[in-house]
């Protein structure tokens, strides 16, 4: 299968996951870029941010049209993560590639386990400013350092920390993801990383289209089923990345 066809397929799956779940899609982007398209870990995490931003914004618009976004809560949560996202984005290019790959594999495994457990996060109705700032900062750092959106962390944090209803948590998480990814990408703009735009652009195009389809899929298939499918795929990816990093 040619690199171009692989690019189209991988992009579509990433967009589908992000649009349906608000999570999981962006964390598949980096391993797809590394193992299918031959990107280095540093280039893949940078390109991943570009793809995450465009795809998250597309999916956000779809959720916003359905009235499923809490703008104020999302902006407050994102604001806490912007400085850590920028700082971590600048730092990541200095980390050895095997270490970066191993850290990403660990994060992917965590995301997979959370999806496979299928437990819906529960809010307690109480909003703590300190907890909100801490959760937002932590998510921003993860986004900046590893080039992922962090939706699998954002959704439960929005529900449990900011008391966002689950019905709006996916859409609101996309706002947080896009803001953090933009801050991280801005910080990386001054690093010397070569990006193959001939592969990134078709990946991005199919990811954007997949995000719209993902929103429609979420209305037809239960969240538990979607999480099991994407969680299983992500666990396989995490194990593969971990094995390659320690060889």
Foldseek 3Di string as FASTA:
>chain_A
DDLQVLLLVLLLQLLLLCLQFVDLSLLSQLLSCCPRVPFQQLQSLLLSLVLLQLSLVLSLVVCVVVVQADVVLLVLLLVLQLVLLLVLLLVQVVDDRLVLLLVSLVVLLVLLVLLLVPDQAAAPPDADSVLSSVLSNVQLNCCLNRNGLSSSSQLNCCCHHVVRDNSNSSSSSSSSSNSSSVSSSVSCPPPDGDHDVVSSVSSSVSSSVSSNVSNVVNVPDPSSVSSNVSSVVSNVSSVVSNVVSVD
